[in-house]
Amino acid sequence: MGILHKLRKSAFWFVDTLNGGKIRKHFDEIKWVLENPESDMSKKIKSQNLYNVLEHSATTVPYYSNISHDSLSLHDFPIIDKQTVRDNFELFRSQTYTNAYAHEVTTSGSTGKPFKILHDKNKRKRNTADTCFFAEKAGYELGSRLFYLRLWDKQYQKKKMLAKIQNIAAYSVDDLTEENLAMMVSEMENYGSSVNIIAYSSALDTVCKYIEEHLGRPLNCKVDSIISIAEGLSPDLKGRTRKYLGEDPVSRYSNSENGIFAQQKTNSDTGNFEINWASYHIELLDFNEDKPVKLGDKGRIVITDFFNYSMPLIRYDTGDVGVMEKDSVTGSLVFTKIEGRKMDMFTNTKGEYVSSHIIHHILQYSGIDQFQFIEDEKGEYTIKLKVTPSYDHKDEKNILEQYKGYFGQNAIVNVEYVDNISLLPSGKRKLVINNYKPSENKLNEKPNVPSKCSDALI
């Protein structure tokens, strides 16, 4: 680690100390809870954080005014989602924070429908501490060079001076031209010290393809950490990232309105996600009822945010689907799979859920540059492909046969060749679109999951 890197790291914590050391206190609590998950102290901290936010919500948040204060229980609170908050925005605001500082977070997600929430100062500091902790777990050292590939819109755009102080090279995913990719790759190779990368998976894929096609060799620099965010991290992409960037990427599960929920463990063959039990209580509930699923079964990911007192989100249905099991080493619960949004999962011709990860098997066919899978109607599917000259159109027959194996032999599967697959307004590329919305009670509770599927977020 260079002198400038050390100075940046020291300056960050020094400024925090001048401001009361609040980020450091959060960081130390996160570290203790997650590194000592079964200790009495960790259990006490989590229990107290949960009780505090429940009491605060029942006392000061109009939406929860009917909750009894006598014997507060998490299960007295209803399940909510984005639409609930949209329809009752003012009712979710704590009356003690209406005149306090509030940082507005807006996200369109994958639906394009805006969603807004407010964060108080302490929540912002907690998120900063979570980011520091999980980045460090991935191999990133505070102050070192970070190449950050995301959509740098108005909400997230960093001023040049701030980016320089934080040692961040910001590249927007909606402007990854060959010229900008060449500049970024050159900057990485000539930086003179190790670098780190955090990127949407589709952007990471674009970088690897550029290196493969224009350099034909691994990047000539030391990469300390690679964190994949927002989209699925397929086995194929993991392999190419390891080959051309020299480091195994880890997938992070987070959202804009809350923060970091989980991150894949490094140096682990399991691919399990360490859950952020320090900042959130997480439930996995049945698709059709608000009751817990068994370990190893898929369920809706429902979170309770311990630290946003400005607009508390209690039992908030993220819209995502996951599987929890006990870690064989620590004994704590981990995510073994995160399937992404329930509305982005497929159903087969029998009406059963099919894992979205089947889409990545398309990459066994050479010459495919971009792809997108669409469920149009019950039993009808479209596979959009952007292909290169090396693509063999004779492979289409094998593709159709393979995916009928997943969807059902009576499925209608069409392949559509396109010039480009557009990015969403969020800068992400939607790989799965489900236009068929069956009623919940017609869906089989047990998803049909093919073997050898990835366990990253789609």
Protein backbone atom coordinates (compact mmCIF):
# COMPACT_ATOMS: atom_id res chain seq x y z
CA MET A 1 0.00 0.00 0.00
CA GLY A 2 1.49 3.33 -1.11
CA ILE A 3 2.04 6.37 1.08
CA LEU A 4 -0.82 8.29 -0.54
CA HIS A 5 -3.16 5.36 0.07
CA LYS A 6 -2.22 5.26 3.74
CA LEU A 7 -2.70 9.01 4.04
CA ARG A 8 -6.19 8.76 2.51
CA LYS A 9 -7.13 5.98 4.90
CA SER A 10 -5.77 7.87 7.91
CA ALA A 11 -7.50 11.07 6.80
CA PHE A 12 -10.85 9.29 6.50
CA TRP A 13 -10.73 7.96 10.05
CA PHE A 14 -9.27 11.22 11.39
CA VAL A 15 -12.18 13.22 9.98
CA ASP A 16 -14.57 10.67 11.46
CA THR A 17 -12.87 11.08 14.86
CA LEU A 18 -13.31 14.85 14.67
CA ASN A 19 -17.03 14.22 14.04
CA GLY A 20 -17.41 11.99 17.08
CA GLY A 21 -16.14 8.70 15.64
CA LYS A 22 -19.64 7.56 14.69
CA ILE A 23 -18.63 5.61 11.59
CA ARG A 24 -15.87 3.86 13.56
CA LYS A 25 -18.38 2.88 16.27
CA HIS A 26 -20.70 1.44 13.65
CA PHE A 27 -17.79 -0.33 11.93
CA ASP A 28 -16.61 -1.92 15.19
CA GLU A 29 -20.13 -3.12 16.01
CA ILE A 30 -20.60 -4.63 12.53
CA LYS A 31 -17.22 -6.36 12.76
CA TRP A 32 -17.94 -7.79 16.20
CA VAL A 33 -21.42 -9.06 15.36
CA LEU A 34 -20.43 -10.69 12.07
CA GLU A 35 -17.17 -12.18 13.31
CA ASN A 36 -18.73 -13.52 16.53
CA PRO A 37 -22.20 -14.48 15.28
CA GLU A 38 -23.10 -16.93 18.04
CA SER A 39 -21.72 -14.95 20.99
CA ASP A 40 -24.08 -13.70 23.70
CA MET A 41 -22.91 -10.14 23.06
CA SER A 42 -23.76 -10.35 19.33
CA LYS A 43 -27.19 -11.75 20.08
CA LYS A 44 -27.79 -8.99 22.62
CA ILE A 45 -26.73 -6.27 20.16
CA LYS A 46 -29.00 -7.60 17.41
CA SER A 47 -31.92 -8.03 19.78
CA GLN A 48 -31.52 -4.51 21.15
CA ASN A 49 -31.21 -2.94 17.69
CA LEU A 50 -34.39 -4.73 16.60
CA TYR A 51 -36.32 -3.71 19.71
CA ASN A 52 -35.18 -0.09 19.40
CA VAL A 53 -36.41 0.31 15.82
CA LEU A 54 -39.70 -1.45 16.59
CA GLU A 55 -40.35 0.80 19.59
CA HIS A 56 -39.38 3.92 17.63
CA SER A 57 -41.67 2.92 14.76
CA ALA A 58 -44.68 2.08 16.92
CA THR A 59 -44.24 5.33 18.84
CA THR A 60 -43.44 7.88 16.12
CA VAL A 61 -44.46 6.50 12.71
CA PRO A 62 -48.14 7.07 11.82
CA TYR A 63 -48.35 3.96 9.64
CA TYR A 64 -47.57 1.82 12.71
CA SER A 65 -49.70 3.76 15.19
CA ASN A 66 -52.03 0.81 15.76
CA ILE A 67 -49.20 -1.45 16.98
CA SER A 68 -49.41 -2.15 20.71
CA HIS A 69 -46.49 -0.82 22.75
CA ASP A 70 -47.02 -3.25 25.60
CA SER A 71 -45.32 -6.31 24.18
CA LEU A 72 -43.60 -5.36 20.95
CA SER A 73 -43.13 -8.27 18.57
CA LEU A 74 -41.81 -8.21 15.03
CA HIS A 75 -44.74 -10.34 13.91
CA ASP A 76 -47.20 -7.65 15.02
CA PHE A 77 -45.95 -5.58 12.09
CA PRO A 78 -47.44 -6.17 8.61
CA ILE A 79 -45.45 -7.14 5.52
CA ILE A 80 -44.92 -4.07 3.30
CA ASP A 81 -43.41 -3.48 -0.13
CA LYS A 82 -42.53 -0.61 -2.48
CA GLN A 83 -46.13 0.01 -3.42
CA THR A 84 -47.18 0.20 0.23
CA VAL A 85 -44.57 2.91 0.82
CA ARG A 86 -45.47 4.78 -2.39
CA ASP A 87 -49.15 4.85 -1.42
CA ASN A 88 -48.46 5.93 2.18
CA PHE A 89 -45.24 7.94 1.89
CA GLU A 90 -46.00 10.58 4.55
CA LEU A 91 -47.39 7.96 6.94
CA PHE A 92 -44.01 6.18 6.91
CA ARG A 93 -42.13 9.31 8.02
CA SER A 94 -41.21 9.42 11.69
CA GLN A 95 -42.81 12.45 13.35
CA THR A 96 -39.62 13.10 15.32
CA TYR A 97 -37.60 13.37 12.08
CA THR A 98 -39.90 15.49 9.89
CA ASN A 99 -37.77 18.61 10.44
CA ALA A 100 -34.42 16.82 10.65
CA TYR A 101 -31.87 16.25 7.89
CA ALA A 102 -33.05 13.71 5.35
CA HIS A 103 -31.08 12.31 2.43
CA GLU A 104 -33.40 11.41 -0.43
CA VAL A 105 -32.74 8.10 -2.19
CA THR A 106 -34.58 7.46 -5.44
CA THR A 107 -34.47 4.28 -7.45
CA SER A 108 -36.34 2.96 -10.46
CA GLY A 109 -35.02 -0.57 -10.02
CA SER A 110 -35.83 -2.90 -12.90
CA THR A 111 -39.45 -1.78 -13.20
CA GLY A 112 -38.83 1.83 -14.24
CA LYS A 113 -41.35 3.00 -11.63
CA PRO A 114 -39.66 5.53 -9.30
CA PHE A 115 -39.38 4.70 -5.61
CA LYS A 116 -38.25 7.22 -3.01
CA ILE A 117 -37.17 6.87 0.60
CA LEU A 118 -35.45 9.15 3.13
CA HIS A 119 -32.33 8.33 5.16
CA ASP A 120 -31.34 10.13 8.36
CA LYS A 121 -27.73 11.01 9.21
CA ASN A 122 -27.13 7.96 11.38
CA LYS A 123 -28.43 5.64 8.65
CA ARG A 124 -26.01 7.23 6.19
CA LYS A 125 -23.12 6.63 8.58
CA ARG A 126 -24.20 3.04 9.14
CA ASN A 127 -24.27 2.43 5.39
CA THR A 128 -20.77 3.92 5.10
CA ALA A 129 -19.55 1.57 7.84
CA ASP A 130 -21.22 -1.41 6.13
CA THR A 131 -19.53 -0.45 2.86
CA CYS A 132 -16.12 -0.17 4.52
CA PHE A 133 -16.52 -3.53 6.25
CA PHE A 134 -17.70 -5.55 3.26
CA ALA A 135 -15.22 -3.91 0.89
CA GLU A 136 -12.44 -4.84 3.29
CA LYS A 137 -13.76 -8.42 3.43
CA ALA A 138 -13.46 -8.57 -0.37
CA GLY A 139 -9.81 -7.45 -0.26
CA TYR A 140 -10.15 -3.70 -0.73
CA GLU A 141 -8.00 -1.40 1.41
CA LEU A 142 -9.53 1.98 2.18
CA GLY A 143 -7.71 4.68 0.19
CA SER A 144 -6.44 2.40 -2.58
CA ARG A 145 -7.37 2.90 -6.24
CA LEU A 146 -10.96 1.92 -7.02
CA PHE A 147 -12.39 1.63 -10.53
CA TYR A 148 -16.14 2.04 -10.08
CA LEU A 149 -18.40 1.09 -13.02
CA ARG A 150 -22.07 1.95 -12.56
CA LEU A 151 -24.62 4.42 -13.89
CA TRP A 152 -23.28 7.73 -12.59
CA ASP A 153 -26.54 9.66 -12.73
CA LYS A 154 -27.33 12.89 -10.87
CA GLN A 155 -28.01 11.10 -7.59
CA TYR A 156 -24.66 9.31 -7.47
CA GLN A 157 -22.39 11.51 -9.59
CA LYS A 158 -19.25 12.40 -7.67
CA LYS A 159 -17.53 15.74 -8.00
CA LYS A 160 -14.08 15.44 -9.53
CA MET A 161 -12.33 16.71 -6.40
CA LEU A 162 -14.20 14.25 -4.13
CA ALA A 163 -13.47 11.38 -6.51
CA LYS A 164 -9.79 12.32 -6.47
CA ILE A 165 -9.70 12.46 -2.67
CA GLN A 166 -11.41 9.07 -2.44
CA ASN A 167 -9.12 7.73 -5.20
CA ILE A 168 -12.06 6.63 -7.32
CA ALA A 169 -11.99 6.31 -11.11
CA ALA A 170 -15.66 6.59 -12.05
CA TYR A 171 -16.77 5.11 -15.39
CA SER A 172 -20.44 5.22 -16.35
CA VAL A 173 -21.88 2.03 -17.83
CA ASP A 174 -23.89 4.01 -20.38
CA ASP A 175 -20.66 5.30 -21.90
CA LEU A 176 -18.37 2.27 -22.12
CA THR A 177 -17.17 3.05 -25.63
CA GLU A 178 -14.04 1.40 -27.02
CA GLU A 179 -12.25 4.69 -26.44
CA ASN A 180 -13.23 4.82 -22.76
CA LEU A 181 -12.48 1.13 -22.27
CA ALA A 182 -9.03 1.62 -23.81
CA MET A 183 -8.42 4.57 -21.48
CA MET A 184 -9.52 2.59 -18.42
CA VAL A 185 -7.43 -0.47 -19.26
CA SER A 186 -4.40 1.74 -19.91
CA GLU A 187 -4.94 3.54 -16.60
CA MET A 188 -5.12 0.22 -14.74
CA GLU A 189 -1.93 -1.10 -16.29
CA ASN A 190 0.01 2.13 -15.76
CA TYR A 191 -1.25 3.06 -12.31
CA GLY A 192 1.90 1.81 -10.59
CA SER A 193 0.14 0.10 -7.70
CA SER A 194 -2.61 -2.43 -7.14
CA VAL A 195 -6.20 -1.56 -8.11
CA ASN A 196 -9.72 -2.62 -7.15
CA ILE A 197 -12.91 -2.93 -9.17
CA ILE A 198 -16.58 -2.64 -8.28
CA ALA A 199 -18.98 -2.95 -11.21
CA TYR A 200 -22.31 -4.07 -12.54
CA SER A 201 -21.83 -7.61 -13.81
CA SER A 202 -22.71 -6.58 -17.37
CA ALA A 203 -20.03 -3.88 -17.22
CA LEU A 204 -17.51 -6.38 -15.87
CA ASP A 205 -18.42 -8.64 -18.77
CA THR A 206 -17.83 -5.76 -21.23
CA VAL A 207 -14.38 -5.09 -19.74
CA CYS A 208 -13.36 -8.75 -19.94
CA LYS A 209 -14.53 -9.01 -23.54
CA TYR A 210 -12.58 -5.87 -24.45
CA ILE A 211 -9.39 -7.28 -22.88
CA GLU A 212 -9.93 -10.61 -24.61
CA GLU A 213 -10.50 -9.08 -28.03
CA HIS A 214 -7.98 -6.20 -27.94
CA LEU A 215 -5.18 -7.47 -25.70
CA GLY A 216 -5.58 -11.24 -25.96
CA ARG A 217 -3.82 -11.61 -22.62
CA PRO A 218 -4.47 -11.03 -18.91
CA LEU A 219 -4.32 -7.46 -17.64
CA ASN A 220 -0.79 -6.50 -16.64
CA CYS A 221 -1.49 -5.20 -13.14
CA LYS A 222 -2.28 -6.43 -9.64
CA VAL A 223 -6.00 -6.48 -8.84
CA ASP A 224 -6.73 -6.78 -5.11
CA SER A 225 -10.51 -7.10 -5.21
CA ILE A 226 -13.44 -7.32 -7.61
CA ILE A 227 -17.00 -6.82 -6.38
CA SER A 228 -19.91 -7.51 -8.71
CA ILE A 229 -23.13 -5.64 -7.98
CA ALA A 230 -26.73 -5.32 -9.18
CA GLU A 231 -26.82 -8.22 -11.67
CA GLY A 232 -26.12 -11.93 -11.94
CA LEU A 233 -22.55 -13.21 -11.77
CA SER A 234 -22.50 -16.30 -13.96
CA PRO A 235 -19.87 -19.08 -13.74
CA ASP A 236 -18.72 -18.14 -17.24
CA LEU A 237 -18.13 -14.52 -16.24
CA LYS A 238 -16.38 -15.60 -13.04
CA GLY A 239 -14.00 -17.69 -15.13
CA ARG A 240 -13.22 -14.93 -17.62
CA THR A 241 -12.77 -12.38 -14.83
CA ARG A 242 -10.29 -14.69 -13.13
CA LYS A 243 -8.48 -15.26 -16.46
CA TYR A 244 -8.20 -11.65 -17.64
CA LEU A 245 -8.19 -9.70 -14.36
CA GLY A 246 -6.37 -12.24 -12.22
CA GLU A 247 -8.81 -12.21 -9.30
CA ASP A 248 -11.97 -14.06 -8.32
CA PRO A 249 -14.95 -11.69 -8.19
CA VAL A 250 -17.44 -11.78 -5.33
CA SER A 251 -21.11 -10.95 -5.73
CA ARG A 252 -22.74 -8.39 -3.43
CA TYR A 253 -26.46 -8.35 -2.65
CA SER A 254 -27.78 -4.88 -1.88
CA ASN A 255 -30.37 -2.33 -2.89
CA SER A 256 -30.48 1.45 -3.07
CA GLU A 257 -33.22 2.02 -0.52
CA ASN A 258 -31.54 0.05 2.28
CA GLY A 259 -27.91 -0.90 1.69
CA ILE A 260 -25.79 -4.07 1.80
CA PHE A 261 -27.64 -7.23 2.82
CA ALA A 262 -25.04 -9.88 1.98
CA GLN A 263 -21.82 -10.59 0.13
CA GLN A 264 -20.17 -13.75 -1.11
CA LYS A 265 -17.33 -15.01 1.02
CA THR A 266 -13.84 -14.89 -0.48
CA ASN A 267 -11.63 -17.98 -0.70
CA SER A 268 -14.67 -20.23 -0.45
CA ASP A 269 -15.78 -22.92 -2.86
CA THR A 270 -19.37 -22.81 -1.61
CA GLY A 271 -20.27 -19.41 -3.06
CA ASN A 272 -22.32 -18.74 0.09
CA PHE A 273 -23.30 -15.18 0.96
CA GLU A 274 -22.44 -13.82 4.40
CA ILE A 275 -25.59 -12.05 5.62
CA ASN A 276 -25.39 -8.62 7.22
CA TRP A 277 -27.16 -9.59 10.44
CA ALA A 278 -25.52 -6.59 12.13
CA SER A 279 -27.64 -4.03 10.25
CA TYR A 280 -30.74 -5.98 9.25
CA HIS A 281 -33.08 -8.68 10.45
CA ILE A 282 -33.86 -10.90 7.48
CA GLU A 283 -36.74 -13.32 7.07
CA LEU A 284 -37.38 -15.83 4.31
CA LEU A 285 -41.12 -16.22 3.83
CA ASP A 286 -43.36 -18.50 1.82
CA PHE A 287 -44.50 -17.27 -1.62
CA ASN A 288 -48.19 -17.55 -0.77
CA GLU A 289 -48.33 -17.03 3.01
CA ASP A 290 -46.49 -14.79 5.47
CA LYS A 291 -44.84 -17.70 7.23
CA PRO A 292 -41.18 -18.83 7.31
CA VAL A 293 -39.94 -21.43 4.86
CA LYS A 294 -37.79 -24.36 5.88
CA LEU A 295 -34.01 -24.13 5.57
CA GLY A 296 -33.04 -25.08 2.04
CA ASP A 297 -36.34 -23.94 0.52
CA LYS A 298 -36.82 -20.85 -1.61
CA GLY A 299 -38.66 -17.90 -0.12
CA ARG A 300 -39.30 -14.17 -0.35
CA ILE A 301 -36.53 -12.05 1.18
CA VAL A 302 -38.11 -9.74 3.76
CA ILE A 303 -35.91 -7.30 5.70
CA THR A 304 -36.18 -5.07 8.74
CA ASP A 305 -33.74 -2.15 8.67
CA PHE A 306 -32.32 -1.46 12.15
CA PHE A 307 -30.99 2.03 11.47
CA ASN A 308 -33.25 4.15 9.26
CA TYR A 309 -35.25 6.04 11.89
CA SER A 310 -36.33 8.74 9.44
CA MET A 311 -38.45 6.27 7.45
CA PRO A 312 -38.33 2.86 9.16
CA LEU A 313 -38.91 -0.13 6.90
CA ILE A 314 -40.18 -3.02 9.02
CA ARG A 315 -40.71 -6.39 7.32
CA TYR A 316 -40.08 -4.92 3.88
CA ASP A 317 -40.51 -7.40 1.02
CA THR A 318 -37.57 -6.70 -1.29
CA GLY A 319 -39.15 -8.57 -4.18
CA ASP A 320 -36.16 -10.91 -4.25
CA VAL A 321 -36.01 -14.67 -3.75
CA GLY A 322 -33.36 -16.61 -1.84
CA VAL A 323 -32.40 -19.79 -0.03
CA MET A 324 -30.94 -19.89 3.50
CA GLU A 325 -28.95 -22.65 5.17
CA LYS A 326 -26.65 -22.96 8.16
CA ASP A 327 -22.96 -22.34 7.55
CA SER A 328 -21.02 -25.49 8.40
CA VAL A 329 -18.19 -23.47 9.98
CA THR A 330 -19.81 -20.56 11.83
CA GLY A 331 -23.25 -22.07 12.42
CA SER A 332 -24.89 -18.80 11.36
CA LEU A 333 -27.48 -18.58 8.60
CA VAL A 334 -26.16 -17.71 5.12
CA PHE A 335 -27.70 -17.29 1.70
CA THR A 336 -26.79 -20.28 -0.45
CA LYS A 337 -28.74 -18.85 -3.38
CA ILE A 338 -30.14 -15.45 -4.28
CA GLU A 339 -32.36 -15.79 -7.31
CA GLY A 340 -33.26 -12.16 -7.75
CA ARG A 341 -36.69 -10.70 -8.21
CA LYS A 342 -39.59 -13.12 -8.04
CA MET A 343 -41.26 -11.33 -10.97
CA ASP A 344 -38.15 -12.06 -13.06
CA MET A 345 -38.27 -15.83 -12.55
CA PHE A 346 -39.67 -18.11 -15.24
CA THR A 347 -42.54 -20.54 -15.01
CA ASN A 348 -42.50 -23.70 -17.10
CA THR A 349 -45.47 -25.06 -19.05
CA LYS A 350 -46.69 -26.77 -15.84
CA GLY A 351 -46.76 -23.44 -13.98
CA GLU A 352 -43.75 -24.31 -11.80
CA TYR A 353 -40.98 -21.83 -11.03
CA VAL A 354 -37.79 -22.34 -13.01
CA SER A 355 -34.51 -20.83 -11.85
CA SER A 356 -33.45 -17.77 -13.85
CA HIS A 357 -29.91 -19.10 -13.86
CA ILE A 358 -30.70 -21.41 -16.78
CA ILE A 359 -30.12 -18.40 -19.03
CA HIS A 360 -26.36 -18.59 -18.49
CA HIS A 361 -26.16 -21.96 -20.22
CA ILE A 362 -26.57 -20.03 -23.49
CA LEU A 363 -22.91 -19.05 -23.19
CA GLN A 364 -21.73 -22.57 -24.02
CA TYR A 365 -22.45 -21.58 -27.62
CA SER A 366 -19.71 -19.44 -29.15
CA GLY A 367 -20.32 -16.13 -30.89
CA ILE A 368 -23.03 -14.81 -28.55
CA ASP A 369 -22.29 -11.24 -27.51
CA GLN A 370 -25.51 -10.32 -25.64
CA PHE A 371 -28.68 -12.20 -24.73
CA GLN A 372 -32.06 -11.70 -23.11
CA PHE A 373 -34.79 -14.19 -22.20
CA ILE A 374 -38.49 -13.24 -22.25
CA GLU A 375 -41.49 -15.22 -21.05
CA ASP A 376 -44.23 -13.81 -23.30
CA GLU A 377 -47.24 -15.91 -22.35
CA LYS A 378 -47.81 -19.18 -20.57
CA GLY A 379 -45.65 -21.69 -22.41
CA GLU A 380 -44.28 -19.09 -24.87
CA TYR A 381 -40.72 -17.74 -24.70
CA THR A 382 -38.40 -15.52 -26.74
CA ILE A 383 -34.60 -15.63 -26.67
CA LYS A 384 -33.03 -12.44 -28.00
CA LEU A 385 -29.46 -12.80 -29.24
CA LYS A 386 -26.88 -10.30 -30.40
CA VAL A 387 -24.29 -12.42 -32.18
CA THR A 388 -20.85 -11.98 -33.69
CA PRO A 389 -19.69 -13.28 -37.11
CA SER A 390 -18.27 -16.37 -35.38
CA TYR A 391 -21.76 -17.52 -34.31
CA ASP A 392 -22.92 -20.70 -36.03
CA HIS A 393 -26.64 -20.42 -36.85
CA LYS A 394 -26.82 -24.22 -36.86
CA ASP A 395 -26.58 -23.95 -33.06
CA GLU A 396 -30.09 -22.53 -32.98
CA LYS A 397 -31.59 -26.03 -33.18
CA ASN A 398 -29.56 -27.18 -30.16
CA ILE A 399 -30.49 -24.02 -28.24
CA LEU A 400 -34.19 -24.64 -28.83
CA GLU A 401 -33.93 -28.28 -27.77
CA GLN A 402 -31.96 -27.38 -24.63
CA TYR A 403 -34.39 -24.73 -23.43
CA LYS A 404 -37.45 -26.84 -24.19
CA GLY A 405 -35.86 -29.22 -21.70
CA TYR A 406 -36.14 -26.49 -19.07
CA PHE A 407 -39.50 -24.97 -20.05
CA GLY A 408 -41.28 -28.12 -21.24
CA GLN A 409 -41.27 -30.10 -24.46
CA ASN A 410 -44.57 -28.48 -25.45
CA ALA A 411 -43.14 -24.96 -24.96
CA ILE A 412 -43.00 -22.53 -27.87
CA VAL A 413 -39.48 -21.07 -27.93
CA ASN A 414 -38.42 -18.48 -30.51
CA VAL A 415 -34.94 -17.11 -31.18
CA GLU A 416 -34.80 -13.46 -32.26
CA TYR A 417 -31.57 -11.93 -33.56
CA VAL A 418 -31.09 -8.25 -32.68
CA ASP A 419 -28.47 -5.55 -33.22
CA ASN A 420 -28.39 -4.54 -29.56
CA ILE A 421 -30.09 -5.15 -26.23
CA SER A 422 -30.71 -1.82 -24.55
CA LEU A 423 -29.73 -0.90 -21.02
CA LEU A 424 -32.40 0.01 -18.50
CA PRO A 425 -32.60 3.63 -17.26
CA SER A 426 -30.67 2.36 -14.21
CA GLY A 427 -27.75 1.40 -16.46
CA LYS A 428 -28.28 -2.33 -15.88
CA ARG A 429 -29.05 -4.82 -18.61
CA LYS A 430 -32.16 -6.84 -17.89
CA LEU A 431 -31.41 -10.45 -18.78
CA VAL A 432 -34.82 -11.84 -17.81
CA ILE A 433 -38.24 -10.34 -18.58
CA ASN A 434 -41.41 -12.09 -17.48
CA ASN A 435 -44.49 -10.65 -19.20
CA TYR A 436 -46.68 -13.54 -18.04
CA LYS A 437 -48.10 -12.94 -14.56
CA PRO A 438 -49.86 -16.05 -13.28
CA SER A 439 -51.94 -15.76 -10.13
CA GLU A 440 -50.01 -16.68 -7.02
CA ASN A 441 -52.20 -19.62 -6.08
CA LYS A 442 -51.50 -21.32 -9.38
CA LEU A 443 -47.76 -21.41 -8.83
CA ASN A 444 -46.07 -24.44 -7.41
CA GLU A 445 -44.27 -23.61 -4.17
CA LYS A 446 -41.27 -25.75 -5.07
CA PRO A 447 -39.20 -24.15 -7.85
CA ASN A 448 -37.74 -26.46 -10.43
CA VAL A 449 -34.03 -25.70 -10.10
CA PRO A 450 -31.59 -27.21 -12.61
CA SER A 451 -28.27 -28.48 -11.35
CA LYS A 452 -25.02 -26.50 -11.60
CA CYS A 453 -26.79 -23.13 -11.43
CA SER A 454 -25.02 -20.04 -10.22
CA ASP A 455 -25.92 -18.59 -6.83
CA ALA A 456 -25.57 -14.90 -7.65
CA LEU A 457 -28.22 -12.25 -7.97
CA ILE A 458 -30.05 -11.70 -11.25
